[in-house]
């Protein structure tokens, strides 16, 4: 507040927040076409949650040409065609959560599962 009791509005702060959200939405929009990844299937016929999160973050960062986001998923991913996992990402220095859907597309006899990663453009509230 200023000496007259009025609230101060920081244009720089508002612009910074706007730019962060805009960058997150632009990155997500660029990713709606999705990324692809491949991982080894674990002993329980699943893809480990931590490994899925890490691989998704790496692929999203590479596709968006941005620093690696934090991807958070609720559980392991079943290694069967059509299995999906709904996760979210948060870009470095931001708090906006964007939805991430991971879907298994193929499971090979070589013990590798391939999956698509898509990022939504509407923030999770």
Protein backbone atom coordinates (compact mmCIF):
# COMPACT_ATOMS: atom_id res chain seq x y z
CA UNK A 1 0.00 0.00 0.00
CA UNK A 2 1.12 3.52 -0.63
CA UNK A 3 1.02 6.25 2.08
CA UNK A 4 -2.53 7.17 1.01
CA UNK A 5 -3.78 3.65 1.84
CA UNK A 6 -4.21 2.61 -1.79
CA UNK A 7 -3.05 -0.78 -3.04
CA UNK A 8 -0.05 -0.77 -5.32
CA UNK A 9 -0.41 -2.67 -8.54
CA UNK A 10 2.75 -4.06 -9.99
CA UNK A 11 2.53 -4.06 -13.77
CA UNK A 12 5.84 -5.90 -13.92
CA UNK A 13 4.53 -8.64 -11.59
CA UNK A 14 1.28 -8.98 -13.51
CA UNK A 15 3.18 -9.10 -16.80
CA UNK A 16 5.55 -11.73 -15.43
CA UNK A 17 2.62 -13.94 -14.37
CA UNK A 18 0.91 -13.40 -17.71
CA UNK A 19 4.09 -14.33 -19.60
CA UNK A 20 4.55 -17.53 -17.54
CA UNK A 21 0.98 -18.66 -18.17
CA UNK A 22 1.20 -17.68 -21.83
CA UNK A 23 4.43 -19.64 -22.27
CA UNK A 24 2.87 -22.69 -20.59
CA UNK A 25 -0.19 -22.50 -22.84
CA UNK A 26 1.93 -21.97 -25.97
CA UNK A 27 4.09 -24.96 -25.04
CA UNK A 28 1.00 -27.08 -24.39
CA UNK A 29 -0.57 -26.01 -27.67
CA UNK A 30 2.59 -27.03 -29.49
CA UNK A 31 2.33 -30.41 -27.79
CA UNK A 32 -1.27 -31.24 -28.57
CA UNK A 33 0.10 -33.23 -31.49
CA UNK A 34 1.91 -35.22 -28.82
CA UNK A 35 5.18 -36.97 -28.18
CA UNK A 36 6.13 -40.61 -28.41
CA UNK A 37 8.20 -42.67 -25.99
CA UNK A 38 9.26 -46.25 -25.37
CA UNK A 39 10.15 -48.08 -22.14
CA UNK A 40 10.89 -51.57 -20.89
CA UNK A 41 7.98 -53.33 -19.24
CA UNK A 42 8.44 -54.24 -15.54
CA UNK A 43 7.85 -57.57 -13.81
CA UNK A 44 4.22 -56.81 -12.98
CA UNK A 45 3.44 -56.06 -16.65
CA UNK A 46 3.44 -52.36 -15.81
CA UNK A 47 5.50 -49.29 -16.57
CA UNK A 48 6.92 -47.83 -13.37
CA UNK A 49 5.30 -44.53 -12.35
CA UNK A 50 8.62 -42.75 -11.66
CA UNK A 51 10.08 -43.89 -14.98
CA UNK A 52 6.94 -42.87 -16.89
CA UNK A 53 7.03 -39.42 -15.27
CA UNK A 54 10.72 -38.96 -16.10
CA UNK A 55 10.37 -40.16 -19.71
CA UNK A 56 7.27 -38.01 -20.28
CA UNK A 57 9.06 -34.94 -18.89
CA UNK A 58 12.09 -35.54 -21.12
CA UNK A 59 9.97 -36.00 -24.25
CA UNK A 60 7.79 -32.95 -23.51
CA UNK A 61 10.87 -30.77 -22.92
CA UNK A 62 12.48 -31.95 -26.16
CA UNK A 63 9.32 -31.42 -28.20
CA UNK A 64 8.57 -27.97 -26.71
CA UNK A 65 12.25 -26.94 -26.71
CA UNK A 66 11.83 -25.77 -23.11
CA UNK A 67 13.32 -26.79 -19.74
CA UNK A 68 12.10 -30.13 -18.42
CA UNK A 69 8.79 -29.81 -16.55
CA UNK A 70 7.76 -31.81 -13.51
CA UNK A 71 5.29 -34.51 -14.54
CA UNK A 72 3.19 -36.11 -11.80
CA UNK A 73 1.17 -39.30 -12.32
CA UNK A 74 -1.07 -41.08 -9.80
CA UNK A 75 0.12 -44.65 -10.43
CA UNK A 76 2.04 -47.08 -12.64
CA UNK A 77 0.87 -47.50 -16.23
CA UNK A 78 -0.48 -50.89 -17.32
CA UNK A 79 1.59 -52.27 -20.18
CA UNK A 80 -1.35 -53.11 -22.44
CA UNK A 81 -2.47 -51.47 -25.65
CA UNK A 82 -5.04 -48.75 -24.97
CA UNK A 83 -4.16 -48.31 -21.29
CA UNK A 84 -4.15 -44.64 -20.30
CA UNK A 85 -2.79 -42.61 -17.42
CA UNK A 86 -3.93 -39.06 -16.67
CA UNK A 87 -1.14 -36.97 -15.20
CA UNK A 88 -0.24 -33.28 -15.02
CA UNK A 89 2.81 -31.14 -15.62
CA UNK A 90 4.18 -27.98 -14.05
CA UNK A 91 6.80 -25.95 -15.91
CA UNK A 92 9.89 -24.79 -14.00
CA UNK A 93 9.24 -21.51 -12.17
CA UNK A 94 5.48 -21.82 -12.59
CA UNK A 95 2.55 -23.25 -10.62
CA UNK A 96 0.12 -23.78 -13.51
CA UNK A 97 -0.87 -27.44 -13.87
CA UNK A 98 -1.54 -28.69 -17.38
CA UNK A 99 -3.13 -32.09 -18.08
CA UNK A 100 -1.01 -34.84 -19.59
CA UNK A 101 -2.48 -38.05 -21.00
CA UNK A 102 -0.26 -41.04 -21.64
CA UNK A 103 -1.60 -43.90 -23.75
CA UNK A 104 0.08 -47.21 -24.54
CA UNK A 105 0.07 -47.76 -28.32
CA UNK A 106 1.99 -51.03 -28.67
CA UNK A 107 3.65 -53.65 -26.50
CA UNK A 108 6.36 -55.57 -28.31
CA UNK A 109 7.58 -59.10 -27.83
CA UNK A 110 10.93 -57.50 -26.97
CA UNK A 111 9.46 -56.32 -23.65
CA UNK A 112 9.13 -52.67 -24.66
CA UNK A 113 5.95 -50.62 -24.53
CA UNK A 114 5.46 -47.61 -26.77
CA UNK A 115 3.21 -44.80 -25.71
CA UNK A 116 1.92 -41.42 -26.84
CA UNK A 117 2.05 -38.37 -24.61
CA UNK A 118 -0.37 -35.49 -25.15
CA UNK A 119 -0.58 -32.23 -23.21
CA UNK A 120 -3.83 -30.33 -22.86
CA UNK A 121 -3.94 -26.55 -23.14
CA UNK A 122 -6.55 -25.89 -20.44
CA UNK A 123 -4.99 -25.50 -16.98
CA UNK A 124 -6.20 -27.79 -14.20
CA UNK A 125 -7.86 -25.84 -11.40
